[in-house]
Amino acid sequence: MTDILESEALSPVDEATYAEAIAFARERHDGQVRKGSTTPYVVHPLEAGALLAHYYPDRSSLVTAGFLHDTIEDTRTSRDELAERFGEEVARLVVAVTNRWWRAPWSMDARDPDTVRLKAADCASNIRATVVDLRREGPVVWRRFRGGERAKRDYYRRLTGQIGDALPNEPLTLRLMELARFLDAECPWTSPRAGNK
């Protein structure tokens, strides 16, 4: 008989890989802070990785990619370096969610479930942080984002819609949708020029 908790336990290999990925992320994001705050930036990728570890404990490459998902975009880290240290699958996933000026974030390949899961964890962490900051600081938070409130809310809606369409019944998707609804309910349109929902 299989232990009911067996699938949630990390293997020693996973634990070592996660520790290495966390240390790597901390080193590469050292000195970076979240927009408009003093919070160390590394808190975000660590939260994304933790979400993936919670919802997908048996997918070590996905979890590892969660800890590392912003290293190529925001640090001097190359795809080849990630592939060499953490494996080809981790590097592939990180590249898949890396934003570049020539493509919008919601143009990710929704046919690849792990890419969608990784982006869902990223988005869930960002929405949660936005809600926390709005409660603490008020509408001034929207000034941190290019395009302001309207653009950021539109981004969240488009991205969560794509994730919901791709993986509608997964627990992480449901958690993301819950956070998105909470953002709209608890922090409704705050800018007088933003228009109505």
Protein backbone atom coordinates (compact mmCIF):
# COMPACT_ATOMS: atom_id res chain seq x y z
CA MET A 1 0.00 0.00 0.00
CA THR A 2 1.31 3.43 -0.95
CA ASP A 3 1.72 6.05 1.75
CA ILE A 4 -0.79 8.86 1.15
CA LEU A 5 1.96 11.44 1.70
CA GLU A 6 4.56 9.74 -0.47
CA SER A 7 3.92 11.90 -3.54
CA GLU A 8 4.44 15.06 -1.48
CA ALA A 9 7.81 14.06 -0.09
CA LEU A 10 10.89 15.44 -1.78
CA SER A 11 13.55 12.94 -2.72
CA PRO A 12 17.10 13.66 -1.49
CA VAL A 13 18.04 14.44 -5.11
CA ASP A 14 15.22 16.98 -5.34
CA GLU A 15 16.19 18.59 -2.05
CA ALA A 16 19.79 19.02 -3.18
CA THR A 17 18.71 20.42 -6.55
CA TYR A 18 16.27 22.84 -4.94
CA ALA A 19 18.90 24.03 -2.47
CA GLU A 20 21.31 24.62 -5.36
CA ALA A 21 18.65 26.44 -7.40
CA ILE A 22 17.69 28.64 -4.44
CA ALA A 23 21.33 29.51 -3.76
CA PHE A 24 21.84 30.29 -7.46
CA ALA A 25 18.75 32.53 -7.57
CA ARG A 26 19.83 34.35 -4.41
CA GLU A 27 23.28 34.97 -5.85
CA ARG A 28 22.02 36.15 -9.25
CA HIS A 29 19.26 38.39 -7.86
CA ASP A 30 21.50 39.80 -5.12
CA GLY A 31 20.95 43.53 -4.71
CA GLN A 32 17.73 43.57 -6.74
CA VAL A 33 14.48 44.72 -5.11
CA ARG A 34 10.83 44.55 -6.10
CA LYS A 35 9.58 47.59 -8.02
CA GLY A 36 8.93 50.51 -5.69
CA SER A 37 9.87 48.61 -2.54
CA THR A 38 12.75 47.44 -0.40
CA THR A 39 11.70 43.79 -0.61
CA PRO A 40 14.52 41.66 -2.03
CA TYR A 41 13.54 40.54 -5.53
CA VAL A 42 14.49 36.94 -4.82
CA VAL A 43 11.37 36.62 -2.64
CA HIS A 44 9.32 36.41 -5.85
CA PRO A 45 11.07 33.47 -7.56
CA LEU A 46 11.26 31.66 -4.23
CA GLU A 47 7.51 32.07 -3.81
CA ALA A 48 6.89 30.84 -7.37
CA GLY A 49 9.04 27.77 -6.74
CA ALA A 50 7.29 27.12 -3.43
CA LEU A 51 3.88 27.27 -5.13
CA LEU A 52 5.03 24.74 -7.72
CA ALA A 53 6.49 22.48 -5.03
CA HIS A 54 3.15 22.60 -3.24
CA TYR A 55 0.97 21.83 -6.25
CA TYR A 56 3.37 19.63 -8.27
CA PRO A 57 5.68 17.92 -5.75
CA ASP A 58 6.59 15.16 -8.20
CA ARG A 59 7.81 17.53 -10.97
CA SER A 60 11.30 18.52 -9.88
CA SER A 61 12.33 20.22 -13.14
CA LEU A 62 9.23 22.41 -12.98
CA VAL A 63 9.86 23.36 -9.35
CA THR A 64 13.52 24.09 -10.07
CA ALA A 65 12.49 26.28 -13.01
CA GLY A 66 10.18 28.16 -10.64
CA PHE A 67 13.12 29.17 -8.45
CA LEU A 68 15.10 30.19 -11.53
CA HIS A 69 12.40 31.60 -13.81
CA ASP A 70 13.68 35.19 -13.85
CA THR A 71 17.41 34.52 -14.03
CA ILE A 72 17.73 34.81 -17.80
CA GLU A 73 15.43 37.83 -18.00
CA ASP A 74 16.76 39.82 -15.06
CA THR A 75 20.36 38.70 -14.50
CA ARG A 76 23.48 37.83 -16.46
CA THR A 77 22.53 34.21 -16.79
CA SER A 78 22.47 32.36 -20.10
CA ARG A 79 20.32 29.49 -21.23
CA ASP A 80 23.45 27.35 -21.66
CA GLU A 81 24.51 28.01 -18.08
CA LEU A 82 21.13 26.92 -16.76
CA ALA A 83 21.15 23.82 -18.97
CA GLU A 84 24.62 22.85 -17.78
CA ARG A 85 23.86 23.32 -14.09
CA PHE A 86 20.21 22.30 -13.87
CA GLY A 87 19.40 20.34 -17.01
CA GLU A 88 17.93 20.94 -20.42
CA GLU A 89 14.30 20.80 -19.26
CA VAL A 90 14.81 23.49 -16.63
CA ALA A 91 16.53 25.74 -19.18
CA ARG A 92 13.75 25.13 -21.71
CA LEU A 93 11.06 26.12 -19.22
CA VAL A 94 12.86 29.26 -18.09
CA VAL A 95 13.34 30.37 -21.70
CA ALA A 96 9.67 29.65 -22.41
CA VAL A 97 8.51 32.20 -19.82
CA THR A 98 11.26 34.75 -20.37
CA ASN A 99 9.85 38.04 -21.65
CA ARG A 100 11.61 39.80 -24.45
CA TRP A 101 10.66 43.09 -26.04
CA TRP A 102 9.52 41.40 -29.26
CA ARG A 103 6.83 39.21 -27.75
CA ALA A 104 4.10 39.83 -25.22
CA PRO A 105 4.12 37.69 -22.06
CA TRP A 106 0.77 36.11 -22.94
CA SER A 107 2.13 34.72 -26.20
CA MET A 108 3.62 31.73 -24.37
CA ASP A 109 3.03 28.30 -25.84
CA ALA A 110 -0.19 27.26 -24.11
CA ARG A 111 0.16 23.77 -25.62
CA ASP A 112 2.94 22.97 -23.13
CA PRO A 113 1.35 22.32 -19.72
CA ASP A 114 4.54 22.88 -17.71
CA THR A 115 5.15 26.26 -19.36
CA VAL A 116 1.62 27.25 -18.39
CA ARG A 117 2.12 25.96 -14.83
CA LEU A 118 5.33 27.95 -14.47
CA LYS A 119 3.68 31.12 -15.75
CA ALA A 120 0.70 30.50 -13.44
CA ALA A 121 3.00 30.39 -10.40
CA ASP A 122 4.77 33.56 -11.56
CA CYS A 123 1.46 35.35 -12.08
CA ALA A 124 -0.05 34.15 -8.78
CA SER A 125 2.97 35.47 -6.88
CA ASN A 126 2.80 38.81 -8.68
CA ILE A 127 -0.94 39.28 -8.14
CA ARG A 128 -0.61 38.43 -4.45
CA ALA A 129 2.22 40.95 -4.07
CA THR A 130 0.16 43.60 -5.89
CA VAL A 131 -2.81 43.06 -3.56
CA VAL A 132 -0.57 43.26 -0.48
CA ASP A 133 1.04 46.47 -1.73
CA LEU A 134 -2.31 48.05 -2.66
CA ARG A 135 -3.66 47.35 0.81
CA ARG A 136 -0.57 48.83 2.41
CA GLU A 137 0.13 51.78 0.10
CA GLY A 138 -3.02 52.45 -1.92
CA PRO A 139 -3.38 53.34 -5.62
CA VAL A 140 0.11 54.85 -5.83
CA VAL A 141 1.28 51.26 -6.39
CA TRP A 142 0.00 51.34 -9.97
CA ARG A 143 2.59 53.98 -10.86
CA ARG A 144 5.29 51.31 -10.62
CA PHE A 145 4.05 49.59 -13.76
CA ARG A 146 4.61 50.66 -17.34
CA GLY A 147 1.23 51.83 -18.61
CA GLY A 148 -0.16 52.19 -15.09
CA GLU A 149 -3.24 50.58 -13.67
CA ARG A 150 -5.19 49.95 -16.85
CA ALA A 151 -2.28 48.22 -18.59
CA LYS A 152 -1.41 46.05 -15.58
CA ARG A 153 -4.98 44.97 -14.96
CA ASP A 154 -5.36 44.18 -18.66
CA TYR A 155 -2.16 42.14 -18.55
CA TYR A 156 -3.36 40.16 -15.52
CA ARG A 157 -6.76 39.52 -17.12
CA ARG A 158 -5.34 38.39 -20.45
CA LEU A 159 -2.73 36.16 -18.86
CA THR A 160 -5.06 34.55 -16.32
CA GLY A 161 -7.60 34.01 -19.11
CA GLN A 162 -5.03 32.19 -21.22
CA ILE A 163 -3.89 30.08 -18.27
CA GLY A 164 -7.50 29.28 -17.36
CA ASP A 165 -8.26 28.20 -20.91
CA ALA A 166 -5.15 26.02 -21.10
CA LEU A 167 -5.43 24.27 -17.72
CA PRO A 168 -8.94 25.01 -16.40
CA ASN A 169 -9.23 22.49 -13.57
CA GLU A 170 -5.76 22.35 -12.06
CA PRO A 171 -5.51 23.46 -8.41
CA LEU A 172 -2.84 26.08 -9.16
CA THR A 173 -5.04 27.57 -11.89
CA LEU A 174 -7.96 27.71 -9.48
CA ARG A 175 -5.74 29.42 -6.91
CA LEU A 176 -4.61 31.94 -9.52
CA MET A 177 -8.21 32.69 -10.52
CA GLU A 178 -9.10 33.13 -6.86
CA LEU A 179 -6.31 35.69 -6.47
CA ALA A 180 -7.35 37.49 -9.67
CA ARG A 181 -10.98 37.72 -8.47
CA PHE A 182 -9.75 38.95 -5.10
CA LEU A 183 -7.72 41.70 -6.78
CA ASP A 184 -10.82 42.89 -8.62
CA ALA A 185 -13.11 42.61 -5.58
CA GLU A 186 -10.81 44.01 -2.90
CA CYS A 187 -8.93 46.51 -5.05
CA PRO A 188 -11.42 47.70 -7.69
CA TRP A 189 -10.47 50.26 -10.30
CA THR A 190 -8.75 53.00 -8.38
CA SER A 191 -7.66 55.47 -11.01
CA PRO A 192 -10.30 58.04 -12.00
CA ARG A 193 -8.98 57.79 -15.59
CA ALA A 194 -8.82 54.01 -15.68
CA GLY A 195 -12.48 53.60 -16.61
CA ASN A 196 -14.94 51.02 -15.42
CA LYS A 197 -14.41 47.29 -15.25
